[in-house]
Amino acid sequence: GRADGDRKEVTEVVPLQNLRRDPERAQALLPLEAPGSESERNRFLIDPRDQIRVEKDARTRGLDVLGYYHSHPDHPARPSNYDRDHAWPWYSYVIIGVERGEPKELNSWVLSDDRSKFDPERVELQE
């Protein structure tokens, strides 16, 4: 997308695989003491090589990676402590609240510079 001050315009969305669906690959990338303790339902892990590939591709086309999106199954569309611990300031974090398999709510958040909290961002959906 493109950023102009506080305004961000999303021009495309690029899905990246949640490696929690591939426990062997996830364990090789980020060894955990108890690998079965975190599930794909409530955790996500993106391969940094995929992330770098997308960022390089965006740059070559004059675009920026503006943020990331994920869902919260059977939970509200607001950041968890896990989200805060793994987020970076400046990026937008779009969270989709899903209830019984149906998307119900979409919110966007940005982490404060001191990483203490997320602030909501206004979202305008255009068709």
C-alpha atoms as a PDB file:
ATOM      1  CA  GLY A   1       0.000   0.000   0.000  1.00  0.00           C
ATOM      2  CA  ARG A   2       0.890   3.639   0.397  1.00  0.00           C
ATOM      3  CA  ALA A   3       1.209   5.792   3.496  1.00  0.00           C
ATOM      4  CA  ASP A   4       0.721   9.557   3.531  1.00  0.00           C
ATOM      5  CA  GLY A   5       1.092  10.860   7.066  1.00  0.00           C
ATOM      6  CA  ASP A   6      -1.505   9.113   9.218  1.00  0.00           C
ATOM      7  CA  ARG A   7      -3.502   8.027   6.176  1.00  0.00           C
ATOM      8  CA  LYS A   8      -2.811   4.567   4.783  1.00  0.00           C
ATOM      9  CA  GLU A   9      -4.217   3.244   1.531  1.00  0.00           C
ATOM     10  CA  VAL A  10      -4.252  -0.508   1.078  1.00  0.00           C
ATOM     11  CA  THR A  11      -3.783  -1.430  -2.575  1.00  0.00           C
ATOM     12  CA  GLU A  12      -3.448  -5.187  -2.144  1.00  0.00           C
ATOM     13  CA  VAL A  13      -3.434  -7.894   0.504  1.00  0.00           C
ATOM     14  CA  VAL A  14      -0.871 -10.702   0.412  1.00  0.00           C
ATOM     15  CA  PRO A  15      -1.682 -13.752   2.550  1.00  0.00           C
ATOM     16  CA  LEU A  16       1.239 -15.491   4.261  1.00  0.00           C
ATOM     17  CA  GLN A  17       1.070 -19.018   5.625  1.00  0.00           C
ATOM     18  CA  ASN A  18       0.603 -19.528   9.357  1.00  0.00           C
ATOM     19  CA  LEU A  19       3.382 -21.982  10.187  1.00  0.00           C
ATOM     20  CA  ARG A  20       1.453 -23.176  13.222  1.00  0.00           C
ATOM     21  CA  ARG A  21      -0.349 -25.362  10.667  1.00  0.00           C
ATOM     22  CA  ASP A  22       3.014 -27.021   9.944  1.00  0.00           C
ATOM     23  CA  PRO A  23       4.363 -27.907  13.423  1.00  0.00           C
ATOM     24  CA  GLU A  24       7.583 -29.476  12.103  1.00  0.00           C
ATOM     25  CA  ARG A  25       8.543 -26.381  10.111  1.00  0.00           C
ATOM     26  CA  ALA A  26       7.477 -24.080  12.941  1.00  0.00           C
ATOM     27  CA  GLN A  27       9.601 -26.019  15.444  1.00  0.00           C
ATOM     28  CA  ALA A  28      12.620 -25.815  13.111  1.00  0.00           C
ATOM     29  CA  LEU A  29      12.140 -22.069  12.695  1.00  0.00           C
ATOM     30  CA  LEU A  30      11.325 -21.225  16.311  1.00  0.00           C
ATOM     31  CA  PRO A  31      12.165 -24.049  18.729  1.00  0.00           C
ATOM     32  CA  LEU A  32       9.762 -24.226  21.660  1.00  0.00           C
ATOM     33  CA  GLU A  33      10.291 -26.101  24.911  1.00  0.00           C
ATOM     34  CA  ALA A  34       6.764 -27.523  24.676  1.00  0.00           C
ATOM     35  CA  PRO A  35       5.898 -27.356  20.969  1.00  0.00           C
ATOM     36  CA  GLY A  36       2.386 -28.726  21.443  1.00  0.00           C
ATOM     37  CA  SER A  37       1.466 -25.974  23.902  1.00  0.00           C
ATOM     38  CA  GLU A  38       0.689 -23.388  21.224  1.00  0.00           C
ATOM     39  CA  SER A  39      -1.861 -24.146  18.556  1.00  0.00           C
ATOM     40  CA  GLU A  40      -2.754 -22.649  15.199  1.00  0.00           C
ATOM     41  CA  ARG A  41      -6.081 -21.642  16.749  1.00  0.00           C
ATOM     42  CA  ASN A  42      -4.589 -19.093  19.120  1.00  0.00           C
ATOM     43  CA  ARG A  43      -1.089 -18.408  17.784  1.00  0.00           C
ATOM     44  CA  PHE A  44       0.533 -17.539  14.495  1.00  0.00           C
ATOM     45  CA  LEU A  45       4.066 -17.673  13.143  1.00  0.00           C
ATOM     46  CA  ILE A  46       5.171 -16.222   9.814  1.00  0.00           C
ATOM     47  CA  ASP A  47       8.352 -17.420   8.141  1.00  0.00           C
ATOM     48  CA  PRO A  48      10.664 -14.371   8.115  1.00  0.00           C
ATOM     49  CA  ARG A  49      11.903 -15.364   4.646  1.00  0.00           C
ATOM     50  CA  ASP A  50       8.359 -15.015   3.289  1.00  0.00           C
ATOM     51  CA  GLN A  51       8.006 -11.686   5.043  1.00  0.00           C
ATOM     52  CA  ILE A  52      11.261 -10.364   3.556  1.00  0.00           C
ATOM     53  CA  ARG A  53      10.251 -11.590   0.081  1.00  0.00           C
ATOM     54  CA  VAL A  54       6.956  -9.671   0.273  1.00  0.00           C
ATOM     55  CA  GLU A  55       8.666  -6.521   1.576  1.00  0.00           C
ATOM     56  CA  LYS A  56      11.267  -6.598  -1.227  1.00  0.00           C
ATOM     57  CA  ASP A  57       8.564  -7.138  -3.842  1.00  0.00           C
ATOM     58  CA  ALA A  58       6.555  -4.202  -2.482  1.00  0.00           C
ATOM     59  CA  ARG A  59       9.614  -1.927  -2.514  1.00  0.00           C
ATOM     60  CA  THR A  60      10.446  -2.752  -6.129  1.00  0.00           C
ATOM     61  CA  ARG A  61       6.913  -1.652  -7.053  1.00  0.00           C
ATOM     62  CA  GLY A  62       7.037   1.566  -5.019  1.00  0.00           C
ATOM     63  CA  LEU A  63       4.773   0.195  -2.281  1.00  0.00           C
ATOM     64  CA  ASP A  64       5.124  -0.327   1.461  1.00  0.00           C
ATOM     65  CA  VAL A  65       4.004  -3.093   3.780  1.00  0.00           C
ATOM     66  CA  LEU A  66       1.528  -1.196   5.942  1.00  0.00           C
ATOM     67  CA  GLY A  67       0.554  -3.920   8.353  1.00  0.00           C
ATOM     68  CA  TYR A  68      -0.653  -7.408   9.037  1.00  0.00           C
ATOM     69  CA  TYR A  69      -3.989  -9.108   9.493  1.00  0.00           C
ATOM     70  CA  HIS A  70      -5.194 -12.158  11.355  1.00  0.00           C
ATOM     71  CA  SER A  71      -8.360 -13.516  12.898  1.00  0.00           C
ATOM     72  CA  HIS A  72      -9.459 -14.115  16.459  1.00  0.00           C
ATOM     73  CA  PRO A  73     -11.704 -17.201  16.408  1.00  0.00           C
ATOM     74  CA  ASP A  74     -14.528 -16.857  18.932  1.00  0.00           C
ATOM     75  CA  HIS A  75     -12.943 -13.733  20.427  1.00  0.00           C
ATOM     76  CA  PRO A  76     -13.404 -10.000  19.862  1.00  0.00           C
ATOM     77  CA  ALA A  77     -11.393  -8.174  17.195  1.00  0.00           C
ATOM     78  CA  ARG A  78      -9.030  -6.557  19.663  1.00  0.00           C
ATOM     79  CA  PRO A  79      -5.346  -7.287  20.300  1.00  0.00           C
ATOM     80  CA  SER A  80      -4.289  -9.875  22.848  1.00  0.00           C
ATOM     81  CA  ASN A  81      -1.211  -9.671  25.059  1.00  0.00           C
ATOM     82  CA  TYR A  82       0.429 -12.117  22.630  1.00  0.00           C
ATOM     83  CA  ASP A  83      -0.336  -9.710  19.778  1.00  0.00           C
ATOM     84  CA  ARG A  84       1.245  -6.830  21.694  1.00  0.00           C
ATOM     85  CA  ASP A  85       4.336  -8.849  22.595  1.00  0.00           C
ATOM     86  CA  HIS A  86       4.915  -9.728  18.924  1.00  0.00           C
ATOM     87  CA  ALA A  87       3.932  -6.468  17.223  1.00  0.00           C
ATOM     88  CA  TRP A  88       5.997  -3.544  15.980  1.00  0.00           C
ATOM     89  CA  PRO A  89       5.056   0.139  16.273  1.00  0.00           C
ATOM     90  CA  TRP A  90       4.006   1.943  13.082  1.00  0.00           C
ATOM     91  CA  TYR A  91       2.371  -1.075  11.432  1.00  0.00           C
ATOM     92  CA  SER A  92      -1.384  -1.529  11.270  1.00  0.00           C
ATOM     93  CA  TYR A  93      -2.764  -4.727  12.774  1.00  0.00           C
ATOM     94  CA  VAL A  94      -6.136  -5.634  11.321  1.00  0.00           C
ATOM     95  CA  ILE A  95      -7.981  -8.190  13.422  1.00  0.00           C
ATOM     96  CA  ILE A  96     -11.110  -9.985  12.304  1.00  0.00           C
ATOM     97  CA  GLY A  97     -13.344 -11.299  15.070  1.00  0.00           C
ATOM     98  CA  VAL A  98     -14.877 -14.612  14.015  1.00  0.00           C
ATOM     99  CA  GLU A  99     -17.858 -16.208  15.768  1.00  0.00           C
ATOM    100  CA  ARG A 100     -18.778 -19.816  15.002  1.00  0.00           C
ATOM    101  CA  GLY A 101     -16.796 -19.658  11.767  1.00  0.00           C
ATOM    102  CA  GLU A 102     -18.375 -16.408  10.533  1.00  0.00           C
ATOM    103  CA  PRO A 103     -16.509 -13.067  10.353  1.00  0.00           C
ATOM    104  CA  LYS A 104     -18.370 -10.582  12.557  1.00  0.00           C
ATOM    105  CA  GLU A 105     -16.084  -7.643  13.259  1.00  0.00           C
ATOM    106  CA  LEU A 106     -13.035  -5.957  11.709  1.00  0.00           C
ATOM    107  CA  ASN A 107     -10.837  -3.512  13.610  1.00  0.00           C
ATOM    108  CA  SER A 108      -7.406  -2.033  12.971  1.00  0.00           C
ATOM    109  CA  TRP A 109      -4.876  -1.149  15.632  1.00  0.00           C
ATOM    110  CA  VAL A 110      -1.438   0.454  15.810  1.00  0.00           C
ATOM    111  CA  LEU A 111       1.050  -0.208  18.614  1.00  0.00           C
ATOM    112  CA  SER A 112       2.211   2.854  20.542  1.00  0.00           C
ATOM    113  CA  ASP A 113       5.877   3.832  20.223  1.00  0.00           C
ATOM    114  CA  ASP A 114       6.557   2.716  23.810  1.00  0.00           C
ATOM    115  CA  ARG A 115       4.855  -0.648  23.045  1.00  0.00           C
ATOM    116  CA  SER A 116       2.578  -0.291  26.069  1.00  0.00           C
ATOM    117  CA  LYS A 117      -0.761  -0.391  24.241  1.00  0.00           C
ATOM    118  CA  PHE A 118      -2.581  -0.545  20.940  1.00  0.00           C
ATOM    119  CA  ASP A 119      -4.531   2.448  19.687  1.00  0.00           C
ATOM    120  CA  PRO A 120      -7.509   1.947  17.374  1.00  0.00           C
ATOM    121  CA  GLU A 121      -7.306   3.114  13.765  1.00  0.00           C
ATOM    122  CA  ARG A 122     -10.238   4.265  11.684  1.00  0.00           C
ATOM    123  CA  VAL A 123     -11.015   1.935   8.780  1.00  0.00           C
ATOM    124  CA  GLU A 124     -12.880   2.941   5.628  1.00  0.00           C
ATOM    125  CA  LEU A 125     -13.850   0.003   3.448  1.00  0.00           C
ATOM    126  CA  GLN A 126     -14.261   0.769  -0.236  1.00  0.00           C
ATOM    127  CA  GLU A 127     -15.628  -1.541  -2.885  1.00  0.00           C
END
